[in-house]
Amino acid sequence: MIGTLIFILTGPILWAADLTIIYGAQSSLCAFGALPPQIVGWLVLAPCVILMGLVLLALAKPSPVFRGLTGASPPPEQWPFLLSITRLLGGISVLAMVYFSIAALLLPACGQLR
């Protein structure tokens, strides 16, 4: 049952990881002055693109993801429901990830922290 819940929430879980990367990594890199602000925005974008790709891969190939998380084949009577909910939440998550990634690129990376 936990594997099924994680399957349904794959998109929101990866979205939460995306937000952690955007705000955590960007704030840390800017606060410590580890890199120039121009590089920080692009450095944060790379993991975001990877996470968006993982969500899209999970949406394109849901059966292997379900099998990997639960260790069983999807139940035929519940599969249409599970698939529709997963795709809905995954689509919303990808859209939000795109918006947050664009905002991370357009706004000054370290302007608010100084």
PDB file of N, CA and C in Angstrom:
ATOM      1  N   MET A   1       0.817  -1.185   0.000  1.00  0.00           N
ATOM      2  CA  MET A   1       0.000   0.000   0.000  1.00  0.00           C
ATOM      3  C   MET A   1       0.870   1.261   0.000  1.00  0.00           C
ATOM      4  N   ILE A   2       1.979   1.250   0.720  1.00  0.00           N
ATOM      5  CA  ILE A   2       2.855   2.413   0.760  1.00  0.00           C
ATOM      6  C   ILE A   2       3.462   2.659  -0.613  1.00  0.00           C
ATOM      7  N   GLY A   3       3.836   1.588  -1.306  1.00  0.00           N
ATOM      8  CA  GLY A   3       4.378   1.730  -2.652  1.00  0.00           C
ATOM      9  C   GLY A   3       3.374   2.360  -3.607  1.00  0.00           C
ATOM     10  N   THR A   4       2.109   1.986  -3.467  1.00  0.00           N
ATOM     11  CA  THR A   4       1.056   2.567  -4.306  1.00  0.00           C
ATOM     12  C   THR A   4       0.890   4.057  -3.995  1.00  0.00           C
ATOM     13  N   LEU A   5       0.948   4.414  -2.726  1.00  0.00           N
ATOM     14  CA  LEU A   5       0.846   5.827  -2.353  1.00  0.00           C
ATOM     15  C   LEU A   5       2.031   6.622  -2.897  1.00  0.00           C
ATOM     16  N   ILE A   6       3.209   6.069  -2.818  1.00  0.00           N
ATOM     17  CA  ILE A   6       4.391   6.742  -3.366  1.00  0.00           C
ATOM     18  C   ILE A   6       4.273   6.861  -4.878  1.00  0.00           C
ATOM     19  N   PHE A   7       3.728   5.832  -5.528  1.00  0.00           N
ATOM     20  CA  PHE A   7       3.516   5.898  -6.974  1.00  0.00           C
ATOM     21  C   PHE A   7       2.573   7.041  -7.333  1.00  0.00           C
ATOM     22  N   ILE A   8       1.471   7.166  -6.594  1.00  0.00           N
ATOM     23  CA  ILE A   8       0.513   8.232  -6.860  1.00  0.00           C
ATOM     24  C   ILE A   8       1.164   9.602  -6.632  1.00  0.00           C
ATOM     25  N   LEU A   9       2.005   9.700  -5.635  1.00  0.00           N
ATOM     26  CA  LEU A   9       2.619  10.978  -5.262  1.00  0.00           C
ATOM     27  C   LEU A   9       4.012  11.178  -5.861  1.00  0.00           C
ATOM     28  N   THR A  10       4.355  10.451  -6.912  1.00  0.00           N
ATOM     29  CA  THR A  10       5.682  10.598  -7.524  1.00  0.00           C
ATOM     30  C   THR A  10       5.928  12.034  -7.969  1.00  0.00           C
ATOM     31  N   GLY A  11       4.984  12.628  -8.649  1.00  0.00           N
ATOM     32  CA  GLY A  11       5.142  14.005  -9.119  1.00  0.00           C
ATOM     33  C   GLY A  11       5.308  15.002  -7.976  1.00  0.00           C
ATOM     34  N   PRO A  12       4.398  15.017  -6.989  1.00  0.00           N
ATOM     35  CA  PRO A  12       4.568  15.956  -5.878  1.00  0.00           C
ATOM     36  C   PRO A  12       5.844  15.717  -5.059  1.00  0.00           C
ATOM     37  N   ILE A  13       6.267  14.474  -4.922  1.00  0.00           N
ATOM     38  CA  ILE A  13       7.510  14.199  -4.184  1.00  0.00           C
ATOM     39  C   ILE A  13       8.704  14.791  -4.925  1.00  0.00           C
ATOM     40  N   LEU A  14       8.755  14.599  -6.228  1.00  0.00           N
ATOM     41  CA  LEU A  14       9.858  15.168  -7.007  1.00  0.00           C
ATOM     42  C   LEU A  14       9.737  16.691  -7.090  1.00  0.00           C
ATOM     43  N   TRP A  15       8.541  17.218  -7.040  1.00  0.00           N
ATOM     44  CA  TRP A  15       8.351  18.663  -6.998  1.00  0.00           C
ATOM     45  C   TRP A  15       8.919  19.224  -5.693  1.00  0.00           C
ATOM     46  N   ALA A  16       8.677  18.531  -4.581  1.00  0.00           N
ATOM     47  CA  ALA A  16       9.231  18.957  -3.295  1.00  0.00           C
ATOM     48  C   ALA A  16      10.761  18.936  -3.337  1.00  0.00           C
ATOM     49  N   ALA A  17      11.325  17.923  -3.977  1.00  0.00           N
ATOM     50  CA  ALA A  17      12.781  17.882  -4.137  1.00  0.00           C
ATOM     51  C   ALA A  17      13.259  19.048  -4.991  1.00  0.00           C
ATOM     52  N   ASP A  18      12.494  19.390  -6.005  1.00  0.00           N
ATOM     53  CA  ASP A  18      12.834  20.522  -6.874  1.00  0.00           C
ATOM     54  C   ASP A  18      12.843  21.825  -6.074  1.00  0.00           C
ATOM     55  N   LEU A  19      11.834  22.039  -5.258  1.00  0.00           N
ATOM     56  CA  LEU A  19      11.790  23.248  -4.435  1.00  0.00           C
ATOM     57  C   LEU A  19      12.953  23.286  -3.444  1.00  0.00           C
ATOM     58  N   THR A  20      13.302  22.139  -2.897  1.00  0.00           N
ATOM     59  CA  THR A  20      14.433  22.071  -1.978  1.00  0.00           C
ATOM     60  C   THR A  20      15.720  22.459  -2.685  1.00  0.00           C
ATOM     61  N   ILE A  21      15.884  21.976  -3.902  1.00  0.00           N
ATOM     62  CA  ILE A  21      17.086  22.313  -4.665  1.00  0.00           C
ATOM     63  C   ILE A  21      17.099  23.793  -5.020  1.00  0.00           C
ATOM     64  N   ILE A  22      15.964  24.289  -5.493  1.00  0.00           N
ATOM     65  CA  ILE A  22      15.925  25.692  -5.901  1.00  0.00           C
ATOM     66  C   ILE A  22      16.212  26.611  -4.722  1.00  0.00           C
ATOM     67  N   TYR A  23      15.474  26.440  -3.644  1.00  0.00           N
ATOM     68  CA  TYR A  23      15.608  27.387  -2.538  1.00  0.00           C
ATOM     69  C   TYR A  23      16.771  27.036  -1.604  1.00  0.00           C
ATOM     70  N   GLY A  24      16.986  25.777  -1.343  1.00  0.00           N
ATOM     71  CA  GLY A  24      18.076  25.394  -0.448  1.00  0.00           C
ATOM     72  C   GLY A  24      19.445  25.605  -1.049  1.00  0.00           C
ATOM     73  N   ALA A  25      19.648  25.075  -2.232  1.00  0.00           N
ATOM     74  CA  ALA A  25      20.961  25.192  -2.863  1.00  0.00           C
ATOM     75  C   ALA A  25      21.260  26.629  -3.255  1.00  0.00           C
ATOM     76  N   GLN A  26      20.284  27.299  -3.811  1.00  0.00           N
ATOM     77  CA  GLN A  26      20.499  28.677  -4.239  1.00  0.00           C
ATOM     78  C   GLN A  26      20.815  29.562  -3.035  1.00  0.00           C
ATOM     79  N   SER A  27      20.074  29.427  -1.969  1.00  0.00           N
ATOM     80  CA  SER A  27      20.318  30.239  -0.781  1.00  0.00           C
ATOM     81  C   SER A  27      21.674  29.926  -0.167  1.00  0.00           C
ATOM     82  N   SER A  28      22.012  28.660  -0.108  1.00  0.00           N
ATOM     83  CA  SER A  28      23.305  28.279   0.474  1.00  0.00           C
ATOM     84  C   SER A  28      24.467  28.787  -0.365  1.00  0.00           C
ATOM     85  N   LEU A  29      24.392  28.584  -1.668  1.00  0.00           N
ATOM     86  CA  LEU A  29      25.486  29.036  -2.529  1.00  0.00           C
ATOM     87  C   LEU A  29      25.640  30.557  -2.485  1.00  0.00           C
ATOM     88  N   CYS A  30      24.530  31.258  -2.412  1.00  0.00           N
ATOM     89  CA  CYS A  30      24.600  32.720  -2.355  1.00  0.00           C
ATOM     90  C   CYS A  30      25.083  33.203  -0.984  1.00  0.00           C
ATOM     91  N   ALA A  31      24.602  32.583   0.076  1.00  0.00           N
ATOM     92  CA  ALA A  31      24.972  33.019   1.422  1.00  0.00           C
ATOM     93  C   ALA A  31      26.465  32.836   1.684  1.00  0.00           C
ATOM     94  N   PHE A  32      27.032  31.753   1.194  1.00  0.00           N
ATOM     95  CA  PHE A  32      28.449  31.503   1.411  1.00  0.00           C
ATOM     96  C   PHE A  32      29.324  32.160   0.352  1.00  0.00           C
ATOM     97  N   GLY A  33      28.713  32.717  -0.685  1.00  0.00           N
ATOM     98  CA  GLY A  33      29.481  33.364  -1.743  1.00  0.00           C
ATOM     99  C   GLY A  33      30.379  32.395  -2.482  1.00  0.00           C
ATOM    100  N   ALA A  34      29.929  31.157  -2.602  1.00  0.00           N
ATOM    101  CA  ALA A  34      30.748  30.118  -3.216  1.00  0.00           C
ATOM    102  C   ALA A  34      30.949  30.338  -4.708  1.00  0.00           C
ATOM    103  N   LEU A  35      29.945  30.866  -5.366  1.00  0.00           N
ATOM    104  CA  LEU A  35      30.002  31.066  -6.810  1.00  0.00           C
ATOM    105  C   LEU A  35      29.448  32.440  -7.160  1.00  0.00           C
ATOM    106  N   PRO A  36      29.791  32.949  -8.330  1.00  0.00           N
ATOM    107  CA  PRO A  36      29.184  34.209  -8.777  1.00  0.00           C
ATOM    108  C   PRO A  36      27.678  34.018  -8.980  1.00  0.00           C
ATOM    109  N   PRO A  37      26.902  35.075  -8.737  1.00  0.00           N
ATOM    110  CA  PRO A  37      25.437  34.953  -8.845  1.00  0.00           C
ATOM    111  C   PRO A  37      24.946  34.491 -10.216  1.00  0.00           C
ATOM    112  N   GLN A  38      25.660  34.841 -11.288  1.00  0.00           N
ATOM    113  CA  GLN A  38      25.223  34.427 -12.622  1.00  0.00           C
ATOM    114  C   GLN A  38      25.294  32.905 -12.772  1.00  0.00           C
ATOM    115  N   ILE A  39      26.267  32.301 -12.164  1.00  0.00           N
ATOM    116  CA  ILE A  39      26.443  30.849 -12.292  1.00  0.00           C
ATOM    117  C   ILE A  39      25.456  30.104 -11.397  1.00  0.00           C
ATOM    118  N   VAL A  40      25.098  30.682 -10.268  1.00  0.00           N
ATOM    119  CA  VAL A  40      24.207  30.017  -9.321  1.00  0.00           C
ATOM    120  C   VAL A  40      22.868  29.688  -9.968  1.00  0.00           C
ATOM    121  N   GLY A  41      22.296  30.629 -10.710  1.00  0.00           N
ATOM    122  CA  GLY A  41      21.002  30.384 -11.359  1.00  0.00           C
ATOM    123  C   GLY A  41      21.052  29.227 -12.330  1.00  0.00           C
ATOM    124  N   TRP A  42      22.106  29.156 -13.112  1.00  0.00           N
ATOM    125  CA  TRP A  42      22.228  28.064 -14.088  1.00  0.00           C
ATOM    126  C   TRP A  42      22.577  26.751 -13.413  1.00  0.00           C
ATOM    127  N   LEU A  43      23.321  26.808 -12.316  1.00  0.00           N
ATOM    128  CA  LEU A  43      23.675  25.592 -11.596  1.00  0.00           C
ATOM    129  C   LEU A  43      22.447  24.977 -10.922  1.00  0.00           C
ATOM    130  N   VAL A  44      21.540  25.816 -10.490  1.00  0.00           N
ATOM    131  CA  VAL A  44      20.304  25.330  -9.880  1.00  0.00           C
ATOM    132  C   VAL A  44      19.371  24.752 -10.936  1.00  0.00           C
ATOM    133  N   LEU A  45      19.446  25.254 -12.155  1.00  0.00           N
ATOM    134  CA  LEU A  45      18.550  24.803 -13.216  1.00  0.00           C
ATOM    135  C   LEU A  45      18.813  23.353 -13.635  1.00  0.00           C
ATOM    136  N   ALA A  46      20.048  22.921 -13.640  1.00  0.00           N
ATOM    137  CA  ALA A  46      20.382  21.564 -14.116  1.00  0.00           C
ATOM    138  C   ALA A  46      19.665  20.462 -13.328  1.00  0.00           C
ATOM    139  N   PRO A  47      19.727  20.448 -11.996  1.00  0.00           N
ATOM    140  CA  PRO A  47      18.971  19.413 -11.276  1.00  0.00           C
ATOM    141  C   PRO A  47      17.464  19.532 -11.465  1.00  0.00           C
ATOM    142  N   CYS A  48      16.978  20.751 -11.662  1.00  0.00           N
ATOM    143  CA  CYS A  48      15.538  20.937 -11.889  1.00  0.00           C
ATOM    144  C   CYS A  48      15.100  20.270 -13.190  1.00  0.00           C
ATOM    145  N   VAL A  49      15.913  20.410 -14.219  1.00  0.00           N
ATOM    146  CA  VAL A  49      15.606  19.776 -15.502  1.00  0.00           C
ATOM    147  C   VAL A  49      15.649  18.257 -15.359  1.00  0.00           C
ATOM    148  N   ILE A  50      16.594  17.755 -14.583  1.00  0.00           N
ATOM    149  CA  ILE A  50      16.692  16.306 -14.357  1.00  0.00           C
ATOM    150  C   ILE A  50      15.449  15.802 -13.622  1.00  0.00           C
ATOM    151  N   LEU A  51      15.010  16.526 -12.598  1.00  0.00           N
ATOM    152  CA  LEU A  51      13.816  16.105 -11.861  1.00  0.00           C
ATOM    153  C   LEU A  51      12.561  16.180 -12.724  1.00  0.00           C
ATOM    154  N   MET A  52      12.464  17.205 -13.568  1.00  0.00           N
ATOM    155  CA  MET A  52      11.320  17.275 -14.492  1.00  0.00           C
ATOM    156  C   MET A  52      11.350  16.081 -15.451  1.00  0.00           C
ATOM    157  N   GLY A  53      12.533  15.718 -15.898  1.00  0.00           N
ATOM    158  CA  GLY A  53      12.664  14.555 -16.775  1.00  0.00           C
ATOM    159  C   GLY A  53      12.240  13.272 -16.082  1.00  0.00           C
ATOM    160  N   LEU A  54      12.570  13.141 -14.800  1.00  0.00           N
ATOM    161  CA  LEU A  54      12.151  11.950 -14.049  1.00  0.00           C
ATOM    162  C   LEU A  54      10.632  11.876 -13.915  1.00  0.00           C
ATOM    163  N   VAL A  55      10.000  13.002 -13.672  1.00  0.00           N
ATOM    164  CA  VAL A  55       8.531  13.004 -13.584  1.00  0.00           C
ATOM    165  C   VAL A  55       7.923  12.642 -14.933  1.00  0.00           C
ATOM    166  N   LEU A  56       8.449  13.223 -15.993  1.00  0.00           N
ATOM    167  CA  LEU A  56       7.918  12.909 -17.328  1.00  0.00           C
ATOM    168  C   LEU A  56       8.166  11.453 -17.696  1.00  0.00           C
ATOM    169  N   LEU A  57       9.302  10.914 -17.289  1.00  0.00           N
ATOM    170  CA  LEU A  57       9.576   9.493 -17.533  1.00  0.00           C
ATOM    171  C   LEU A  57       8.593   8.616 -16.763  1.00  0.00           C
ATOM    172  N   ALA A  58       8.303   8.991 -15.527  1.00  0.00           N
ATOM    173  CA  ALA A  58       7.331   8.228 -14.735  1.00  0.00           C
ATOM    174  C   ALA A  58       5.938   8.315 -15.334  1.00  0.00           C
ATOM    175  N   LEU A  59       5.627   9.445 -15.970  1.00  0.00           N
ATOM    176  CA  LEU A  59       4.322   9.580 -16.619  1.00  0.00           C
ATOM    177  C   LEU A  59       4.258   8.810 -17.935  1.00  0.00           C
ATOM    178  N   ALA A  60       5.391   8.715 -18.617  1.00  0.00           N
ATOM    179  CA  ALA A  60       5.419   8.017 -19.902  1.00  0.00           C
ATOM    180  C   ALA A  60       5.470   6.498 -19.725  1.00  0.00           C
ATOM    181  N   LYS A  61       6.160   6.029 -18.714  1.00  0.00           N
ATOM    182  CA  LYS A  61       6.315   4.586 -18.453  1.00  0.00           C
ATOM    183  C   LYS A  61       5.854   4.270 -17.031  1.00  0.00           C
ATOM    184  N   PRO A  62       4.559   4.341 -16.754  1.00  0.00           N
ATOM    185  CA  PRO A  62       4.095   4.165 -15.374  1.00  0.00           C
ATOM    186  C   PRO A  62       4.161   2.728 -14.849  1.00  0.00           C
ATOM    187  N   SER A  63       4.003   1.739 -15.707  1.00  0.00           N
ATOM    188  CA  SER A  63       4.000   0.351 -15.233  1.00  0.00           C
ATOM    189  C   SER A  63       5.321  -0.052 -14.596  1.00  0.00           C
ATOM    190  N   PRO A  64       6.483   0.214 -15.224  1.00  0.00           N
ATOM    191  CA  PRO A  64       7.740  -0.143 -14.561  1.00  0.00           C
ATOM    192  C   PRO A  64       7.968   0.612 -13.249  1.00  0.00           C
ATOM    193  N   VAL A  65       7.504   1.847 -13.188  1.00  0.00           N
ATOM    194  CA  VAL A  65       7.645   2.617 -11.950  1.00  0.00           C
ATOM    195  C   VAL A  65       6.800   1.977 -10.853  1.00  0.00           C
ATOM    196  N   PHE A  66       5.568   1.584 -11.193  1.00  0.00           N
ATOM    197  CA  PHE A  66       4.695   0.938 -10.212  1.00  0.00           C
ATOM    198  C   PHE A  66       5.305  -0.377  -9.732  1.00  0.00           C
ATOM    199  N   ARG A  67       5.809  -1.175 -10.678  1.00  0.00           N
ATOM    200  CA  ARG A  67       6.438  -2.448 -10.304  1.00  0.00           C
ATOM    201  C   ARG A  67       7.671  -2.232  -9.435  1.00  0.00           C
ATOM    202  N   GLY A  68       8.432  -1.199  -9.741  1.00  0.00           N
ATOM    203  CA  GLY A  68       9.634  -0.918  -8.957  1.00  0.00           C
ATOM    204  C   GLY A  68       9.314  -0.472  -7.534  1.00  0.00           C
ATOM    205  N   LEU A  69       8.239   0.261  -7.373  1.00  0.00           N
ATOM    206  CA  LEU A  69       7.880   0.752  -6.046  1.00  0.00           C
ATOM    207  C   LEU A  69       7.123  -0.263  -5.205  1.00  0.00           C
ATOM    208  N   THR A  70       6.313  -1.089  -5.850  1.00  0.00           N
ATOM    209  CA  THR A  70       5.482  -2.031  -5.093  1.00  0.00           C
ATOM    210  C   THR A  70       5.981  -3.464  -5.156  1.00  0.00           C
ATOM    211  N   GLY A  71       6.748  -3.790  -6.168  1.00  0.00           N
ATOM    212  CA  GLY A  71       7.202  -5.166  -6.332  1.00  0.00           C
ATOM    213  C   GLY A  71       6.134  -6.075  -6.911  1.00  0.00           C
ATOM    214  N   ALA A  72       5.063  -5.517  -7.424  1.00  0.00           N
ATOM    215  CA  ALA A  72       3.961  -6.305  -7.983  1.00  0.00           C
ATOM    216  C   ALA A  72       3.441  -5.603  -9.238  1.00  0.00           C
ATOM    217  N   SER A  73       2.709  -6.360 -10.021  1.00  0.00           N
ATOM    218  CA  SER A  73       2.072  -5.771 -11.195  1.00  0.00           C
ATOM    219  C   SER A  73       0.877  -4.934 -10.766  1.00  0.00           C
ATOM    220  N   PRO A  74       0.549  -3.919 -11.552  1.00  0.00           N
ATOM    221  CA  PRO A  74      -0.611  -3.104 -11.179  1.00  0.00           C
ATOM    222  C   PRO A  74      -1.902  -3.908 -11.246  1.00  0.00           C
ATOM    223  N   PRO A  75      -2.794  -3.719 -10.273  1.00  0.00           N
ATOM    224  CA  PRO A  75      -4.067  -4.435 -10.305  1.00  0.00           C
ATOM    225  C   PRO A  75      -4.928  -3.918 -11.455  1.00  0.00           C
ATOM    226  N   PRO A  76      -5.429  -4.825 -12.318  1.00  0.00           N
ATOM    227  CA  PRO A  76      -6.160  -4.385 -13.504  1.00  0.00           C
ATOM    228  C   PRO A  76      -7.421  -3.572 -13.200  1.00  0.00           C
ATOM    229  N   GLU A  77      -8.099  -3.889 -12.108  1.00  0.00           N
ATOM    230  CA  GLU A  77      -9.337  -3.167 -11.810  1.00  0.00           C
ATOM    231  C   GLU A  77      -9.074  -1.767 -11.237  1.00  0.00           C
ATOM    232  N   GLN A  78      -7.900  -1.544 -10.669  1.00  0.00           N
ATOM    233  CA  GLN A  78      -7.570  -0.236 -10.092  1.00  0.00           C
ATOM    234  C   GLN A  78      -6.628   0.579 -10.968  1.00  0.00           C
ATOM    235  N   TRP A  79      -6.039  -0.039 -11.967  1.00  0.00           N
ATOM    236  CA  TRP A  79      -5.014   0.626 -12.763  1.00  0.00           C
ATOM    237  C   TRP A  79      -5.494   1.904 -13.458  1.00  0.00           C
ATOM    238  N   PRO A  80      -6.675   1.940 -14.066  1.00  0.00           N
ATOM    239  CA  PRO A  80      -7.103   3.208 -14.693  1.00  0.00           C
ATOM    240  C   PRO A  80      -7.199   4.371 -13.694  1.00  0.00           C
ATOM    241  N   PHE A  81      -7.696   4.098 -12.499  1.00  0.00           N
ATOM    242  CA  PHE A  81      -7.785   5.136 -11.481  1.00  0.00           C
ATOM    243  C   PHE A  81      -6.397   5.578 -11.034  1.00  0.00           C
ATOM    244  N   LEU A  82      -5.535   4.622 -10.716  1.00  0.00           N
ATOM    245  CA  LEU A  82      -4.177   4.957 -10.272  1.00  0.00           C
ATOM    246  C   LEU A  82      -3.426   5.738 -11.338  1.00  0.00           C
ATOM    247  N   LEU A  83      -3.573   5.327 -12.567  1.00  0.00           N
ATOM    248  CA  LEU A  83      -2.881   5.985 -13.667  1.00  0.00           C
ATOM    249  C   LEU A  83      -3.396   7.414 -13.872  1.00  0.00           C
ATOM    250  N   SER A  84      -4.708   7.593 -13.803  1.00  0.00           N
ATOM    251  CA  SER A  84      -5.247   8.942 -14.020  1.00  0.00           C
ATOM    252  C   SER A  84      -4.850   9.893 -12.899  1.00  0.00           C
ATOM    253  N   ILE A  85      -4.886   9.445 -11.664  1.00  0.00           N
ATOM    254  CA  ILE A  85      -4.494  10.306 -10.541  1.00  0.00           C
ATOM    255  C   ILE A  85      -3.010  10.627 -10.609  1.00  0.00           C
ATOM    256  N   THR A  86      -2.190   9.627 -10.924  1.00  0.00           N
ATOM    257  CA  THR A  86      -0.748   9.848 -11.021  1.00  0.00           C
ATOM    258  C   THR A  86      -0.431  10.832 -12.135  1.00  0.00           C
ATOM    259  N   ARG A  87      -1.078  10.679 -13.263  1.00  0.00           N
ATOM    260  CA  ARG A  87      -0.823  11.597 -14.384  1.00  0.00           C
ATOM    261  C   ARG A  87      -1.315  13.006 -14.079  1.00  0.00           C
ATOM    262  N   LEU A  88      -2.440  13.131 -13.409  1.00  0.00           N
ATOM    263  CA  LEU A  88      -2.941  14.451 -13.041  1.00  0.00           C
ATOM    264  C   LEU A  88      -1.970  15.149 -12.091  1.00  0.00           C
ATOM    265  N   LEU A  89      -1.580  14.474 -11.019  1.00  0.00           N
ATOM    266  CA  LEU A  89      -0.652  15.071 -10.056  1.00  0.00           C
ATOM    267  C   LEU A  89       0.727  15.302 -10.670  1.00  0.00           C
ATOM    268  N   GLY A  90       1.162  14.388 -11.518  1.00  0.00           N
ATOM    269  CA  GLY A  90       2.451  14.561 -12.185  1.00  0.00           C
ATOM    270  C   GLY A  90       2.450  15.733 -13.146  1.00  0.00           C
ATOM    271  N   GLY A  91       1.358  15.894 -13.889  1.00  0.00           N
ATOM    272  CA  GLY A  91       1.256  17.025 -14.810  1.00  0.00           C
ATOM    273  C   GLY A  91       1.247  18.360 -14.088  1.00  0.00           C
ATOM    274  N   ILE A  92       0.502  18.435 -12.997  1.00  0.00           N
ATOM    275  CA  ILE A  92       0.485  19.660 -12.200  1.00  0.00           C
ATOM    276  C   ILE A  92       1.871  19.934 -11.629  1.00  0.00           C
ATOM    277  N   SER A  93       2.546  18.892 -11.195  1.00  0.00           N
ATOM    278  CA  SER A  93       3.882  19.051 -10.616  1.00  0.00           C
ATOM    279  C   SER A  93       4.883  19.538 -11.654  1.00  0.00           C
ATOM    280  N   VAL A  94       4.836  18.980 -12.858  1.00  0.00           N
ATOM    281  CA  VAL A  94       5.762  19.424 -13.909  1.00  0.00           C
ATOM    282  C   VAL A  94       5.501  20.881 -14.264  1.00  0.00           C
ATOM    283  N   LEU A  95       4.242  21.252 -14.356  1.00  0.00           N
ATOM    284  CA  LEU A  95       3.910  22.639 -14.650  1.00  0.00           C
ATOM    285  C   LEU A  95       4.459  23.576 -13.567  1.00  0.00           C
ATOM    286  N   ALA A  96       4.284  23.207 -12.318  1.00  0.00           N
ATOM    287  CA  ALA A  96       4.804  24.018 -11.221  1.00  0.00           C
ATOM    288  C   ALA A  96       6.330  24.056 -11.242  1.00  0.00           C
ATOM    289  N   MET A  97       6.962  22.939 -11.576  1.00  0.00           N
ATOM    290  CA  MET A  97       8.428  22.898 -11.645  1.00  0.00           C
ATOM    291  C   MET A  97       8.943  23.816 -12.749  1.00  0.00           C
ATOM    292  N   VAL A  98       8.233  23.863 -13.855  1.00  0.00           N
ATOM    293  CA  VAL A  98       8.628  24.755 -14.946  1.00  0.00           C
ATOM    294  C   VAL A  98       8.518  26.208 -14.490  1.00  0.00           C
ATOM    295  N   TYR A  99       7.415  26.552 -13.836  1.00  0.00           N
ATOM    296  CA  TYR A  99       7.226  27.932 -13.374  1.00  0.00           C
ATOM    297  C   TYR A  99       8.291  28.333 -12.355  1.00  0.00           C
ATOM    298  N   PHE A 100       8.588  27.461 -11.400  1.00  0.00           N
ATOM    299  CA  PHE A 100       9.588  27.795 -10.393  1.00  0.00           C
ATOM    300  C   PHE A 100      10.984  27.862 -10.999  1.00  0.00           C
ATOM    301  N   SER A 101      11.265  27.035 -11.976  1.00  0.00           N
ATOM    302  CA  SER A 101      12.572  27.079 -12.629  1.00  0.00           C
ATOM    303  C   SER A 101      12.740  28.369 -13.423  1.00  0.00           C
ATOM    304  N   ILE A 102      11.680  28.783 -14.100  1.00  0.00           N
ATOM    305  CA  ILE A 102      11.742  30.041 -14.847  1.00  0.00           C
ATOM    306  C   ILE A 102      11.938  31.208 -13.883  1.00  0.00           C
ATOM    307  N   ALA A 103      11.241  31.186 -12.771  1.00  0.00           N
ATOM    308  CA  ALA A 103      11.394  32.256 -11.780  1.00  0.00           C
ATOM    309  C   ALA A 103      12.802  32.272 -11.209  1.00  0.00           C
ATOM    310  N   ALA A 104      13.377  31.095 -10.990  1.00  0.00           N
ATOM    311  CA  ALA A 104      14.744  31.032 -10.463  1.00  0.00           C
ATOM    312  C   ALA A 104      15.745  31.606 -11.456  1.00  0.00           C
ATOM    313  N   LEU A 105      15.452  31.484 -12.733  1.00  0.00           N
ATOM    314  CA  LEU A 105      16.355  32.037 -13.757  1.00  0.00           C
ATOM    315  C   LEU A 105      16.141  33.530 -13.988  1.00  0.00           C
ATOM    316  N   LEU A 106      14.901  33.979 -13.951  1.00  0.00           N
ATOM    317  CA  LEU A 106      14.615  35.376 -14.280  1.00  0.00           C
ATOM    318  C   LEU A 106      14.921  36.342 -13.144  1.00  0.00           C
ATOM    319  N   LEU A 107      14.730  35.910 -11.913  1.00  0.00           N
ATOM    320  CA  LEU A 107      14.984  36.798 -10.789  1.00  0.00           C
ATOM    321  C   LEU A 107      16.470  36.759 -10.417  1.00  0.00           C
ATOM    322  N   PRO A 108      16.983  37.832  -9.856  1.00  0.00           N
ATOM    323  CA  PRO A 108      18.384  37.828  -9.451  1.00  0.00           C
ATOM    324  C   PRO A 108      18.646  36.719  -8.420  1.00  0.00           C
ATOM    325  N   ALA A 109      19.677  35.949  -8.680  1.00  0.00           N
ATOM    326  CA  ALA A 109      19.938  34.765  -7.845  1.00  0.00           C
ATOM    327  C   ALA A 109      20.263  35.124  -6.405  1.00  0.00           C
ATOM    328  N   CYS A 110      21.061  36.138  -6.211  1.00  0.00           N
ATOM    329  CA  CYS A 110      21.516  36.441  -4.852  1.00  0.00           C
ATOM    330  C   CYS A 110      21.094  37.821  -4.378  1.00  0.00           C
ATOM    331  N   GLY A 111      20.238  38.493  -5.087  1.00  0.00           N
ATOM    332  CA  GLY A 111      19.859  39.852  -4.727  1.00  0.00           C
ATOM    333  C   GLY A 111      19.155  39.966  -3.397  1.00  0.00           C
ATOM    334  N   GLN A 112      18.284  39.027  -3.046  1.00  0.00           N
ATOM    335  CA  GLN A 112      17.496  39.108  -1.834  1.00  0.00           C
ATOM    336  C   GLN A 112      18.319  38.764  -0.593  1.00  0.00           C
ATOM    337  N   LEU A 113      19.424  38.071  -0.765  1.00  0.00           N
ATOM    338  CA  LEU A 113      20.166  37.557   0.386  1.00  0.00           C
ATOM    339  C   LEU A 113      21.251  38.502   0.858  1.00  0.00           C
ATOM    340  N   ARG A 114      21.520  39.559   0.151  1.00  0.00           N
ATOM    341  CA  ARG A 114      22.605  40.467   0.547  1.00  0.00           C
ATOM    342  C   ARG A 114      22.102  41.626   1.332  1.00  0.00           C
TER     343      ARG A 114
END
